[in-house]
Amino acid sequence: MDPTTASIVPADFPAALESGMIRAFFQPVFRSMTQQIIGVESLARWFRPDGTVLSPADFIPALERTGLIFRLDMEILRQACSLYDDFRRRGTPLQCVTVNLSRLDFGREDLFETVCTVLDQYAVPHEAVKLEITESMMLEDTEAFEKSFRRFTDADFRVWLDDFGSGYSSLNVLQNYSFDVIKFDILFLRKLSARGREMLASLISMAKSLGIHTLTEGVETNEQREFLLTAGCEALQGFYYARPMSAEKLTELIDQNDGLLETAEDLAYWNEIGRLNFVNPNPLKDYSERQASISRMGYYVTSYDGSIALVECGRDRFHYVYTTEGYRERLRELGFMSVESLEQALSNQRSYQYLMVRKLVMDALRTGTVQTVEHAFRDVYFRLSALLVARRKDRVMISMRLNTFDSERELETAREMLANSSALLTTYDLVVKIMPAKNAAKRIYAASSLAEYDREPAFELSLQRFCRDHVDPADRERYLRFLDLGTLSGRISKSPLPFVQHVFRMRLGGSGTAWYAARVTQIPSGGDPEFLLTVHNLQGTLSEWIDQLLGEHPELL
């Protein structure tokens, strides 16, 4: 700034303020995954009578030196509150506005009261105004700053740490203060070197480990945007999206793009999703354990990963919102060349993929814990894990982790399965594969010469014959209901375990009547639903216990 401007600025400021030449411009902040506006940052602009605009670098240092910066900051706060009130009245409410406070503001005894008075004037809730501060202001009068900081946070204000990384005490600051959002300094994005990428991804991971949301400013290219999305940064700001603009231009932008503004329901939903750490070796387990450890210890620890996805589930619909490259690579190993091809397979509600994923999701919803399934598909063994991350009225967000096993592991698993299949089967008295679409059943194993399940041309006839020959008359009607194919899938999906099971009195292998446990499990078929029925004898004490229980409580059967 030249010396002439330096002397004019303080003298001209009061008049410029009174005449409306000091105006707030607003730069939107975008949700990285949805591309919706989550709020706007309020920035000061000084317009001169000749139409030129004085750079903030030219007037802010001068106002700080002369003690006028507080009046500027409160005027920008007032205009931000006015904007918030205008958008609320027109039915398109902003979720938040952010305002920058100077380090000198925190030296004033009346800062908190003045800020609250401005908000009350426009009936703006405290949680809607985010106060942006820089690291440097915490280093001068730490006692005064800490007192003001606590007053704001105790009154439901949210404080954002601006320009993180530009100071030398960043980690101490995070240790001593609780911030809602960290804004990473634009300098991190000037050159996206390999080292810079690793550093920024690690800082984003660290913030998530502390329960702090992340925002990166200065985004100017699609390459930067894609990297930050992959690293899990929740919010982005910069010329790539929008430059700072007047209130009129912001209103025009909102009006021309229906759905651009994030709603209150969106905010709660995506803020919870944003807590998931993508840069982590086991993000689902980490997220699940963190929910408990945050209340217990206040922190949790994470590291690096690569194979997860966010899947939004509605009524019989699965939509992949986000996938890492590692997840897409695993999909290709399973034969799906794109996420879209998998979504197409999931759209067929009779497909193996749909039935498996639906069961996994329902289990995750019911339990609230990480649920895992292991299967083989196209000669590739895989493990799919799912965890509920966020819920709203019409849909939920599930985080999934996909792992495939290498060929050496697959061969070893196959050898073990073959080596142990005989021992597994002989633990049962009867194993039957049921194929409802073919109205047929196939005996896999029987300890005796039982063959009723595949002797008749139709499953119902075989079932009736088996009941007549081998099920005690007192349990026949209950056994028929147990194997009712019309309700079987629904009962299994509602079961807390991946099968349905009950006990029945039967006569198998020429012996007398005894108690048997029958279990039906849905099995992957690559097409129409198929089931596995296993029956085994309950011997000794367990059989006696069931007899005693039935005698005391016959209504249980």
Protein backbone atom coordinates (compact mmCIF):
# COMPACT_ATOMS: atom_id res chain seq x y z
CA MET A 1 0.00 0.00 0.00
CA ASP A 2 1.37 3.41 -0.90
CA PRO A 3 1.84 6.06 1.86
CA THR A 4 -0.96 8.26 0.46
CA THR A 5 -3.52 5.49 0.73
CA ALA A 6 -2.30 4.64 4.23
CA SER A 7 -3.07 8.16 5.47
CA ILE A 8 -6.42 8.44 3.68
CA VAL A 9 -7.95 5.10 4.72
CA PRO A 10 -8.47 5.71 8.47
CA ALA A 11 -9.78 9.23 7.87
CA ASP A 12 -12.23 8.10 5.17
CA PHE A 13 -13.46 5.01 6.95
CA PRO A 14 -16.27 6.52 9.11
CA ALA A 15 -17.82 8.25 6.10
CA ALA A 16 -17.50 5.16 3.94
CA LEU A 17 -19.19 3.13 6.65
CA GLU A 18 -22.09 5.57 7.02
CA SER A 19 -22.65 5.87 3.25
CA GLY A 20 -22.77 2.13 2.64
CA MET A 21 -19.50 1.94 0.74
CA ILE A 22 -18.29 -0.86 3.03
CA ARG A 23 -20.07 -3.96 1.78
CA ALA A 24 -19.96 -7.66 2.53
CA PHE A 25 -19.27 -10.02 -0.35
CA PHE A 26 -20.07 -13.69 0.08
CA GLN A 27 -18.10 -16.70 -1.12
CA PRO A 28 -20.02 -20.01 -1.01
CA VAL A 29 -18.64 -23.11 0.70
CA PHE A 30 -19.55 -26.38 -1.05
CA ARG A 31 -20.06 -29.91 0.27
CA SER A 32 -17.48 -31.99 -1.61
CA MET A 33 -19.71 -35.05 -2.10
CA THR A 34 -22.98 -33.35 -3.02
CA GLN A 35 -21.75 -30.10 -4.60
CA GLN A 36 -24.35 -28.25 -2.51
CA ILE A 37 -23.73 -24.95 -0.73
CA ILE A 38 -23.40 -25.50 3.01
CA GLY A 39 -22.83 -21.83 3.87
CA VAL A 40 -21.12 -18.62 2.82
CA GLU A 41 -18.08 -16.75 4.08
CA SER A 42 -18.53 -13.01 4.57
CA LEU A 43 -15.68 -10.84 3.22
CA ALA A 44 -15.23 -7.06 3.43
CA ARG A 45 -15.09 -4.89 0.29
CA TRP A 46 -14.56 -1.08 0.24
CA PHE A 47 -16.07 0.71 -2.75
CA ARG A 48 -14.83 4.20 -3.63
CA PRO A 49 -16.99 6.95 -5.16
CA ASP A 50 -15.27 6.47 -8.54
CA GLY A 51 -16.37 2.81 -8.63
CA THR A 52 -12.98 1.29 -7.85
CA VAL A 53 -12.61 -1.26 -5.07
CA LEU A 54 -9.97 -0.91 -2.40
CA SER A 55 -8.15 -4.18 -1.73
CA PRO A 56 -8.58 -5.62 1.79
CA ALA A 57 -4.78 -5.79 1.95
CA ASP A 58 -4.79 -1.99 1.62
CA PHE A 59 -7.29 -1.13 4.34
CA ILE A 60 -7.39 -3.92 6.94
CA PRO A 61 -3.81 -3.40 8.29
CA ALA A 62 -4.48 0.34 8.50
CA LEU A 63 -7.74 -0.20 10.38
CA GLU A 64 -5.99 -2.56 12.79
CA ARG A 65 -3.28 0.01 13.48
CA THR A 66 -5.85 2.72 14.22
CA GLY A 67 -8.25 0.58 16.26
CA LEU A 68 -11.08 0.79 13.72
CA ILE A 69 -11.07 -2.91 12.77
CA PHE A 70 -13.74 -3.74 15.37
CA ARG A 71 -16.24 -1.41 13.67
CA LEU A 72 -15.49 -3.07 10.31
CA ASP A 73 -15.91 -6.59 11.67
CA MET A 74 -19.21 -5.74 13.38
CA GLU A 75 -20.53 -4.14 10.17
CA ILE A 76 -19.67 -7.24 8.14
CA LEU A 77 -21.34 -9.35 10.85
CA ARG A 78 -24.44 -7.13 10.61
CA GLN A 79 -24.62 -7.53 6.82
CA ALA A 80 -24.11 -11.30 7.15
CA CYS A 81 -27.00 -11.50 9.61
CA SER A 82 -29.13 -9.40 7.28
CA LEU A 83 -28.38 -11.81 4.43
CA TYR A 84 -29.27 -14.78 6.64
CA ASP A 85 -32.57 -13.12 7.58
CA ASP A 86 -33.37 -12.29 3.94
CA PHE A 87 -32.82 -15.88 2.77
CA ARG A 88 -34.90 -17.20 5.66
CA ARG A 89 -37.79 -14.87 4.83
CA ARG A 90 -37.78 -15.88 1.16
CA GLY A 91 -37.99 -19.57 2.03
CA THR A 92 -34.46 -20.58 1.02
CA PRO A 93 -32.63 -20.53 4.35
CA LEU A 94 -28.85 -20.64 4.54
CA GLN A 95 -27.51 -23.15 7.03
CA CYS A 96 -24.72 -20.85 8.14
CA VAL A 97 -22.76 -17.68 7.49
CA THR A 98 -19.15 -17.31 8.58
CA VAL A 99 -17.53 -14.08 9.76
CA ASN A 100 -13.83 -13.37 10.27
CA LEU A 101 -12.80 -11.78 13.56
CA SER A 102 -9.57 -9.87 14.04
CA ARG A 103 -7.09 -10.69 16.78
CA LEU A 104 -7.72 -7.18 18.16
CA ASP A 105 -11.42 -7.90 18.57
CA PHE A 106 -10.63 -10.41 21.30
CA GLY A 107 -8.95 -7.69 23.36
CA ARG A 108 -12.29 -5.93 23.84
CA GLU A 109 -14.39 -6.64 26.91
CA ASP A 110 -17.62 -6.02 24.97
CA LEU A 111 -16.92 -8.40 22.03
CA PHE A 112 -19.30 -11.17 23.13
CA GLU A 113 -22.14 -8.80 24.08
CA THR A 114 -21.82 -6.81 20.84
CA VAL A 115 -21.88 -9.94 18.66
CA CYS A 116 -24.96 -11.25 20.50
CA THR A 117 -26.73 -7.90 20.12
CA VAL A 118 -26.21 -7.92 16.32
CA LEU A 119 -27.58 -11.47 16.07
CA ASP A 120 -30.59 -10.60 18.25
CA GLN A 121 -31.39 -7.67 15.96
CA TYR A 122 -32.03 -10.11 13.10
CA ALA A 123 -33.19 -13.08 15.23
CA VAL A 124 -30.27 -15.17 14.00
CA PRO A 125 -29.58 -18.30 16.11
CA HIS A 126 -26.08 -18.51 17.53
CA GLU A 127 -25.33 -21.85 15.89
CA ALA A 128 -25.96 -20.32 12.43
CA VAL A 129 -23.01 -17.91 12.71
CA LYS A 130 -19.55 -19.44 12.48
CA LEU A 131 -16.70 -17.34 13.79
CA GLU A 132 -13.46 -17.72 11.82
CA ILE A 133 -10.25 -17.03 13.68
CA THR A 134 -6.58 -17.54 12.84
CA GLU A 135 -3.87 -19.22 14.88
CA SER A 136 -1.91 -16.01 15.35
CA MET A 137 -4.59 -14.35 17.49
CA MET A 138 -4.22 -17.09 20.11
CA LEU A 139 -0.54 -16.38 20.70
CA GLU A 140 -0.59 -12.83 22.06
CA ASP A 141 -2.89 -12.66 25.09
CA THR A 142 -3.77 -16.28 25.65
CA GLU A 143 -5.69 -15.65 28.87
CA ALA A 144 -8.01 -13.04 27.32
CA PHE A 145 -8.52 -15.11 24.19
CA GLU A 146 -9.33 -18.27 26.12
CA LYS A 147 -11.93 -16.39 28.18
CA SER A 148 -13.66 -15.05 25.05
CA PHE A 149 -13.43 -18.41 23.28
CA ARG A 150 -15.17 -20.19 26.16
CA ARG A 151 -17.94 -17.57 26.30
CA PHE A 152 -18.72 -18.07 22.62
CA THR A 153 -18.63 -21.87 22.65
CA ASP A 154 -20.70 -22.04 25.85
CA ALA A 155 -23.33 -19.90 24.09
CA ASP A 156 -23.61 -22.40 21.16
CA PHE A 157 -21.44 -20.46 18.70
CA ARG A 158 -19.25 -22.60 16.44
CA VAL A 159 -15.63 -21.53 15.96
CA TRP A 160 -13.67 -22.34 12.81
CA LEU A 161 -9.87 -22.31 12.73
CA ASP A 162 -8.81 -20.44 9.59
CA ASP A 163 -5.50 -20.81 7.70
CA PHE A 164 -4.51 -23.94 9.61
CA GLY A 165 -0.85 -24.74 9.08
CA SER A 166 0.25 -21.16 8.52
CA GLY A 167 1.42 -20.80 12.13
CA TYR A 168 4.03 -22.68 14.08
CA SER A 169 1.83 -23.83 16.97
CA SER A 170 -0.93 -25.61 15.05
CA LEU A 171 -0.85 -28.82 17.06
CA ASN A 172 -0.83 -26.98 20.39
CA VAL A 173 -3.85 -25.00 19.26
CA LEU A 174 -5.78 -28.19 18.45
CA GLN A 175 -4.79 -29.64 21.81
CA ASN A 176 -6.04 -26.66 23.79
CA TYR A 177 -9.21 -25.61 21.94
CA SER A 178 -12.26 -27.36 20.56
CA PHE A 179 -12.95 -26.24 16.98
CA ASP A 180 -15.91 -27.23 14.84
CA VAL A 181 -14.06 -26.90 11.52
CA ILE A 182 -10.43 -26.63 10.40
CA LYS A 183 -9.81 -24.61 7.23
CA PHE A 184 -6.62 -25.66 5.53
CA ASP A 185 -4.43 -22.88 4.23
CA ILE A 186 -4.46 -22.19 0.48
CA LEU A 187 -0.68 -22.69 0.43
CA PHE A 188 -1.20 -26.45 0.71
CA LEU A 189 -2.78 -26.44 -2.75
CA ARG A 190 -0.34 -24.21 -4.62
CA LYS A 191 1.68 -27.25 -5.68
CA LEU A 192 0.09 -30.65 -5.28
CA SER A 193 3.34 -32.57 -4.96
CA ALA A 194 3.32 -36.17 -3.79
CA ARG A 195 4.63 -35.07 -0.41
CA GLY A 196 2.06 -32.29 -0.20
CA ARG A 197 -0.76 -34.73 -0.97
CA GLU A 198 0.39 -37.13 1.73
CA MET A 199 0.72 -34.30 4.23
CA LEU A 200 -2.74 -32.88 3.54
CA ALA A 201 -4.39 -36.31 3.56
CA SER A 202 -2.73 -37.03 6.91
CA LEU A 203 -3.93 -33.71 8.35
CA ILE A 204 -7.49 -34.43 7.21
CA SER A 205 -7.24 -37.84 8.87
CA MET A 206 -5.90 -36.26 12.05
CA ALA A 207 -8.79 -33.76 12.14
CA LYS A 208 -11.33 -36.56 11.78
CA SER A 209 -9.61 -38.47 14.56
CA LEU A 210 -10.28 -35.45 16.79
CA GLY A 211 -13.90 -35.17 15.66
CA ILE A 212 -13.25 -31.93 13.73
CA HIS A 213 -14.80 -31.26 10.32
CA THR A 214 -12.52 -30.20 7.44
CA LEU A 215 -12.64 -27.49 4.76
CA THR A 216 -10.00 -26.57 2.20
CA GLU A 217 -9.96 -23.12 0.63
CA GLY A 218 -8.27 -22.00 -2.55
CA VAL A 219 -9.55 -24.83 -4.77
CA GLU A 220 -8.94 -23.74 -8.36
CA THR A 221 -8.77 -26.91 -10.48
CA ASN A 222 -10.69 -30.16 -10.93
CA GLU A 223 -7.51 -32.08 -10.07
CA GLN A 224 -7.42 -30.41 -6.67
CA ARG A 225 -11.13 -31.07 -6.15
CA GLU A 226 -10.82 -34.78 -6.97
CA PHE A 227 -7.83 -35.23 -4.70
CA LEU A 228 -9.57 -33.55 -1.76
CA LEU A 229 -12.69 -35.66 -2.31
CA THR A 230 -10.57 -38.82 -2.31
CA ALA A 231 -8.80 -37.71 0.87
CA GLY A 232 -12.16 -37.24 2.60
CA CYS A 233 -12.18 -33.43 2.93
CA GLU A 234 -15.82 -32.55 3.59
CA ALA A 235 -16.07 -28.98 2.30
CA LEU A 236 -14.35 -26.98 -0.45
CA GLN A 237 -14.09 -23.31 -1.31
CA GLY A 238 -12.37 -21.46 -4.11
CA PHE A 239 -12.53 -19.99 -7.60
CA TYR A 240 -13.20 -23.46 -9.08
CA TYR A 241 -16.68 -23.19 -7.56
CA ALA A 242 -17.39 -19.49 -7.13
CA ARG A 243 -15.68 -16.18 -6.47
CA PRO A 244 -16.83 -13.83 -3.70
CA MET A 245 -20.03 -12.09 -4.86
CA SER A 246 -22.58 -9.53 -3.80
CA ALA A 247 -25.76 -10.52 -1.99
CA GLU A 248 -27.68 -9.88 -5.21
CA LYS A 249 -25.44 -12.20 -7.25
CA LEU A 250 -25.65 -14.88 -4.56
CA THR A 251 -29.45 -14.70 -4.63
CA GLU A 252 -29.39 -14.99 -8.41
CA LEU A 253 -27.10 -18.04 -8.21
CA ILE A 254 -29.45 -19.77 -5.75
CA ASP A 255 -32.55 -18.95 -7.79
CA GLN A 256 -31.05 -20.31 -11.00
CA ASN A 257 -29.95 -23.64 -9.45
CA ASP A 258 -32.76 -25.49 -7.73
CA GLY A 259 -31.54 -27.68 -4.87
CA LEU A 260 -28.16 -25.94 -4.65
CA LEU A 261 -28.65 -24.99 -1.00
CA GLU A 262 -28.18 -27.69 1.61
CA THR A 263 -31.19 -28.15 3.90
CA ALA A 264 -31.13 -28.59 7.67
CA GLU A 265 -31.83 -32.31 7.22
CA ASP A 266 -29.01 -32.53 4.66
CA LEU A 267 -26.67 -30.78 7.09
CA ALA A 268 -27.23 -33.24 9.95
CA TYR A 269 -27.08 -36.21 7.57
CA TRP A 270 -23.85 -35.25 5.80
CA ASN A 271 -22.11 -33.95 8.91
CA GLU A 272 -22.44 -37.42 10.42
CA ILE A 273 -21.23 -39.03 7.19
CA GLY A 274 -18.29 -36.63 7.15
CA ARG A 275 -16.98 -38.12 10.39
CA LEU A 276 -16.06 -41.34 8.55
CA ASN A 277 -12.31 -41.44 7.99
CA PHE A 278 -11.53 -42.56 4.43
CA VAL A 279 -7.78 -42.55 5.11
CA ASN A 280 -7.82 -45.50 7.46
CA PRO A 281 -6.91 -49.21 7.50
CA ASN A 282 -10.27 -50.26 8.93
CA PRO A 283 -12.67 -47.32 8.65
CA LEU A 284 -15.83 -49.20 9.59
CA LYS A 285 -14.38 -50.68 12.77
CA ASP A 286 -12.76 -47.34 13.57
CA TYR A 287 -15.99 -45.39 13.10
CA SER A 288 -17.99 -47.90 15.15
CA GLU A 289 -15.50 -47.95 18.02
CA ARG A 290 -15.12 -44.16 17.94
CA GLN A 291 -18.83 -43.64 18.67
CA ALA A 292 -18.26 -45.37 21.99
CA SER A 293 -14.76 -44.05 22.70
CA ILE A 294 -15.64 -40.39 22.07
CA SER A 295 -18.02 -40.43 25.03
CA ARG A 296 -15.58 -42.48 27.08
CA MET A 297 -12.21 -40.91 26.27
CA GLY A 298 -12.89 -38.00 23.92
CA TYR A 299 -10.59 -39.22 21.13
CA TYR A 300 -9.66 -42.13 18.90
CA VAL A 301 -6.75 -43.05 16.60
CA THR A 302 -6.71 -43.83 12.87
CA SER A 303 -4.26 -44.53 10.00
CA TYR A 304 -4.39 -45.38 6.26
CA ASP A 305 -6.76 -47.34 3.99
CA GLY A 306 -8.04 -47.70 0.46
CA SER A 307 -11.09 -49.90 -0.20
CA ILE A 308 -14.34 -48.38 1.05
CA ALA A 309 -17.55 -46.94 -0.39
CA LEU A 310 -20.58 -44.96 0.72
CA VAL A 311 -23.85 -46.53 -0.43
CA GLU A 312 -27.13 -44.67 -0.03
CA CYS A 313 -30.01 -47.10 0.47
CA GLY A 314 -33.63 -46.25 -0.10
CA ARG A 315 -36.62 -48.50 -0.58
CA ASP A 316 -35.17 -51.46 -2.50
CA ARG A 317 -32.56 -49.16 -4.08
CA PHE A 318 -28.79 -48.95 -3.70
CA HIS A 319 -26.82 -45.97 -4.99
CA TYR A 320 -23.05 -45.65 -4.69
CA VAL A 321 -22.32 -42.07 -3.61
CA TYR A 322 -18.58 -42.46 -3.17
CA THR A 323 -15.98 -45.14 -3.88
CA THR A 324 -12.24 -45.19 -3.44
CA GLU A 325 -10.01 -46.45 -6.23
CA GLY A 326 -9.22 -49.46 -4.04
CA TYR A 327 -12.91 -50.35 -3.86
CA ARG A 328 -13.33 -49.98 -7.63
CA GLU A 329 -10.30 -52.22 -8.15
CA ARG A 330 -11.88 -54.92 -5.98
CA LEU A 331 -15.08 -54.62 -8.01
CA ARG A 332 -13.13 -55.19 -11.21
CA GLU A 333 -11.63 -58.34 -9.70
CA LEU A 334 -15.21 -59.54 -9.18
CA GLY A 335 -16.05 -58.82 -12.80
CA PHE A 336 -17.77 -55.43 -12.45
CA MET A 337 -15.99 -52.98 -14.72
CA SER A 338 -17.73 -49.99 -13.15
CA VAL A 339 -19.84 -48.99 -10.17
CA GLU A 340 -22.73 -48.48 -12.60
CA SER A 341 -22.59 -52.13 -13.69
CA LEU A 342 -22.86 -53.24 -10.06
CA GLU A 343 -25.77 -50.85 -9.46
CA GLN A 344 -27.48 -52.37 -12.49
CA ALA A 345 -27.07 -55.86 -10.99
CA LEU A 346 -28.44 -54.58 -7.68
CA SER A 347 -31.52 -53.18 -9.45
CA ASN A 348 -32.66 -56.77 -10.12
CA GLN A 349 -34.38 -57.66 -6.87
CA ARG A 350 -34.15 -61.37 -7.61
CA SER A 351 -30.42 -61.29 -8.24
CA TYR A 352 -27.87 -62.89 -5.95
CA GLN A 353 -26.14 -59.53 -5.51
CA TYR A 354 -29.33 -57.75 -4.45
CA LEU A 355 -30.40 -60.43 -1.96
CA MET A 356 -26.94 -60.61 -0.37
CA VAL A 357 -26.48 -56.83 -0.08
CA ARG A 358 -30.04 -56.31 1.17
CA LYS A 359 -29.57 -58.88 3.92
CA LEU A 360 -26.24 -57.33 4.91
CA VAL A 361 -27.73 -53.82 5.01
CA MET A 362 -30.76 -54.93 7.02
CA ASP A 363 -28.47 -56.61 9.56
CA ALA A 364 -26.35 -53.43 9.80
CA LEU A 365 -29.48 -51.32 10.33
CA ARG A 366 -30.90 -53.65 12.95
CA THR A 367 -27.72 -54.08 15.00
CA GLY A 368 -25.98 -50.73 14.53
CA THR A 369 -22.68 -52.62 14.35
CA VAL A 370 -20.31 -53.74 11.60
CA GLN A 371 -21.79 -56.69 9.72
CA THR A 372 -19.71 -58.92 7.45
CA VAL A 373 -20.44 -61.56 4.83
CA GLU A 374 -17.99 -63.80 2.96
CA HIS A 375 -18.82 -65.42 -0.38
CA ALA A 376 -17.34 -66.58 -3.64
CA PHE A 377 -18.41 -64.92 -6.89
CA ARG A 378 -17.04 -65.79 -10.32
CA ASP A 379 -14.35 -67.89 -8.66
CA VAL A 380 -13.18 -64.99 -6.46
CA TYR A 381 -13.56 -65.08 -2.68
CA PHE A 382 -14.53 -61.78 -1.13
CA ARG A 383 -15.48 -60.26 2.21
CA LEU A 384 -18.00 -57.38 2.32
CA SER A 385 -18.52 -55.39 5.53
CA ALA A 386 -21.22 -52.81 6.17
CA LEU A 387 -21.94 -50.21 8.86
CA LEU A 388 -24.76 -47.69 9.29
CA VAL A 389 -23.26 -44.19 9.18
CA ALA A 390 -26.25 -41.83 8.98
CA ARG A 391 -30.01 -42.02 8.75
CA ARG A 392 -32.77 -39.73 7.48
CA LYS A 393 -36.50 -40.11 6.86
CA ASP A 394 -36.38 -41.68 3.42
CA ARG A 395 -32.92 -43.25 3.21
CA VAL A 396 -29.79 -44.28 5.07
CA MET A 397 -26.08 -44.11 4.32
CA ILE A 398 -24.13 -47.31 4.66
CA SER A 399 -20.34 -47.48 4.55
CA MET A 400 -19.01 -50.65 2.94
CA ARG A 401 -15.56 -52.17 2.87
CA LEU A 402 -14.67 -54.76 0.23
CA ASN A 403 -11.76 -57.19 0.36
CA THR A 404 -10.86 -59.92 -2.10
CA PHE A 405 -8.49 -62.78 -1.40
CA ASP A 406 -5.57 -63.61 -3.65
CA SER A 407 -5.52 -66.83 -5.68
CA GLU A 408 -3.19 -68.60 -3.25
CA ARG A 409 -5.61 -67.91 -0.41
CA GLU A 410 -8.53 -69.04 -2.60
CA LEU A 411 -6.86 -72.37 -3.39
CA GLU A 412 -5.98 -72.95 0.24
CA THR A 413 -9.56 -72.15 1.28
CA ALA A 414 -10.92 -74.54 -1.34
CA ARG A 415 -8.61 -77.34 -0.14
CA GLU A 416 -9.72 -76.80 3.45
CA MET A 417 -13.37 -76.84 2.43
CA LEU A 418 -12.95 -80.14 0.57
CA ALA A 419 -10.90 -81.68 3.36
CA ASN A 420 -13.49 -80.81 5.98
CA SER A 421 -16.73 -81.17 4.00
CA SER A 422 -17.20 -84.79 5.02
CA ALA A 423 -16.77 -83.99 8.70
CA LEU A 424 -19.14 -81.03 8.41
CA LEU A 425 -21.86 -83.04 6.72
CA THR A 426 -21.73 -85.98 9.08
CA THR A 427 -22.60 -83.72 12.01
CA TYR A 428 -26.12 -83.57 10.52
CA ASP A 429 -28.74 -86.26 10.07
CA LEU A 430 -30.09 -84.60 6.95
CA VAL A 431 -28.96 -81.84 4.54
CA VAL A 432 -31.34 -80.71 1.78
CA LYS A 433 -31.07 -77.99 -0.84
CA ILE A 434 -34.44 -76.34 -1.53
CA MET A 435 -35.05 -74.54 -4.87
CA PRO A 436 -38.42 -72.72 -4.72
CA ALA A 437 -38.26 -71.40 -8.30
CA LYS A 438 -38.10 -75.02 -9.54
CA ASN A 439 -40.55 -76.24 -6.89
CA ALA A 440 -37.97 -78.89 -6.07
CA ALA A 441 -35.50 -80.07 -3.47
CA LYS A 442 -32.29 -82.06 -3.64
CA ARG A 443 -30.87 -84.25 -0.90
CA ILE A 444 -27.21 -83.33 -0.25
CA TYR A 445 -26.58 -85.72 2.63
CA ALA A 446 -28.56 -88.13 4.81
CA ALA A 447 -27.33 -90.30 7.67
CA SER A 448 -29.82 -93.00 6.62
CA SER A 449 -31.74 -93.88 3.48
CA LEU A 450 -34.06 -90.86 3.73
CA ALA A 451 -34.93 -89.57 0.29
CA GLU A 452 -38.38 -88.05 0.56
CA TYR A 453 -37.32 -84.50 -0.25
CA ASP A 454 -36.38 -85.40 -3.83
CA ARG A 455 -38.60 -88.42 -4.45
CA GLU A 456 -41.77 -86.59 -5.50
CA PRO A 457 -42.05 -84.33 -8.61
CA ALA A 458 -43.04 -81.27 -6.53
CA PHE A 459 -41.51 -79.95 -3.31
CA GLU A 460 -44.86 -79.69 -1.52
CA LEU A 461 -45.56 -83.38 -2.16
CA SER A 462 -42.12 -84.40 -0.89
CA LEU A 463 -42.61 -82.22 2.19
CA GLN A 464 -46.01 -83.78 2.91
CA ARG A 465 -44.54 -87.26 2.55
CA PHE A 466 -41.61 -86.49 4.85
CA CYS A 467 -44.01 -85.07 7.43
CA ARG A 468 -46.24 -88.13 7.30
CA ASP A 469 -43.38 -90.61 7.61
CA HIS A 470 -40.94 -88.88 9.95
CA VAL A 471 -42.47 -85.95 11.90
CA ASP A 472 -44.45 -86.60 15.09
CA PRO A 473 -48.19 -85.88 14.55
CA ALA A 474 -48.10 -83.19 17.27
CA ASP A 475 -45.49 -81.19 15.29
CA ARG A 476 -46.54 -81.78 11.66
CA GLU A 477 -48.58 -78.60 11.22
CA ARG A 478 -45.82 -76.52 12.83
CA TYR A 479 -43.17 -78.14 10.60
CA LEU A 480 -45.21 -77.33 7.46
CA ARG A 481 -45.42 -73.70 8.55
CA PHE A 482 -41.69 -73.70 9.26
CA LEU A 483 -40.96 -74.71 5.63
CA ASP A 484 -43.61 -72.47 4.04
CA LEU A 485 -41.73 -71.16 0.99
CA GLY A 486 -44.02 -68.16 0.69
CA THR A 487 -42.82 -66.67 3.98
CA LEU A 488 -39.34 -68.17 4.31
CA SER A 489 -37.27 -65.30 2.87
CA GLY A 490 -39.16 -62.73 4.92
CA ARG A 491 -38.68 -64.66 8.15
CA ILE A 492 -34.96 -65.04 7.54
CA SER A 493 -34.55 -61.32 6.77
CA LYS A 494 -36.25 -60.43 10.08
CA SER A 495 -34.24 -62.95 12.07
CA PRO A 496 -31.40 -61.58 14.24
CA LEU A 497 -29.29 -64.43 12.81
CA PRO A 498 -28.85 -65.34 9.11
CA PHE A 499 -31.20 -68.31 9.43
CA VAL A 500 -34.42 -69.53 11.05
CA GLN A 501 -34.41 -72.51 13.39
CA HIS A 502 -36.80 -74.53 15.55
CA VAL A 503 -37.03 -77.91 17.28
CA PHE A 504 -39.34 -80.74 16.28
CA ARG A 505 -40.06 -84.33 17.36
CA MET A 506 -39.06 -86.71 14.57
CA ARG A 507 -38.34 -90.35 13.82
CA LEU A 508 -35.26 -90.68 11.65
CA GLY A 509 -33.17 -93.71 10.77
CA GLY A 510 -35.59 -96.30 12.17
CA SER A 511 -35.17 -95.10 15.78
CA GLY A 512 -37.89 -93.87 18.11
CA THR A 513 -39.17 -90.32 18.40
CA ALA A 514 -36.55 -87.79 19.50
CA TRP A 515 -35.99 -84.04 19.44
CA TYR A 516 -34.29 -82.62 16.31
CA ALA A 517 -33.18 -79.07 15.46
CA ALA A 518 -34.10 -77.94 11.95
CA ARG A 519 -32.39 -74.86 10.46
CA VAL A 520 -32.99 -73.10 7.12
CA THR A 521 -30.36 -70.74 5.72
CA GLN A 522 -30.59 -68.74 2.49
CA ILE A 523 -27.60 -69.50 0.27
CA PRO A 524 -26.05 -67.54 -2.63
CA SER A 525 -27.25 -68.95 -5.92
CA GLY A 526 -26.40 -66.37 -8.58
CA GLY A 527 -30.08 -66.26 -9.52
CA ASP A 528 -33.32 -67.28 -7.82
CA PRO A 529 -33.31 -67.66 -4.01
CA GLU A 530 -32.24 -71.06 -2.72
CA PHE A 531 -32.13 -72.47 0.80
CA LEU A 532 -30.23 -75.09 2.77
CA LEU A 533 -32.16 -77.22 5.28
CA THR A 534 -30.10 -79.00 7.95
CA VAL A 535 -31.51 -81.35 10.59
CA HIS A 536 -29.59 -82.81 13.54
CA ASN A 537 -30.44 -84.77 16.64
CA LEU A 538 -30.56 -83.11 20.08
CA GLN A 539 -29.23 -85.60 22.56
CA GLY A 540 -28.82 -86.04 26.29
CA THR A 541 -29.39 -83.12 28.65
CA LEU A 542 -30.59 -80.74 25.94
CA SER A 543 -33.34 -83.14 24.87
CA GLU A 544 -34.40 -83.63 28.48
CA TRP A 545 -34.45 -79.86 29.04
CA ILE A 546 -36.78 -79.37 26.05
CA ASP A 547 -39.13 -82.07 27.38
CA GLN A 548 -39.22 -80.35 30.76
CA LEU A 549 -39.75 -76.90 29.22
CA LEU A 550 -42.57 -78.18 27.02
CA GLY A 551 -44.24 -79.79 30.02
CA GLU A 552 -44.20 -76.51 31.94
CA HIS A 553 -44.89 -74.18 29.01
CA PRO A 554 -46.71 -75.99 26.20
CA GLU A 555 -47.67 -72.66 24.65
CA LEU A 556 -44.06 -72.20 23.44
CA LEU A 557 -44.67 -74.74 20.66
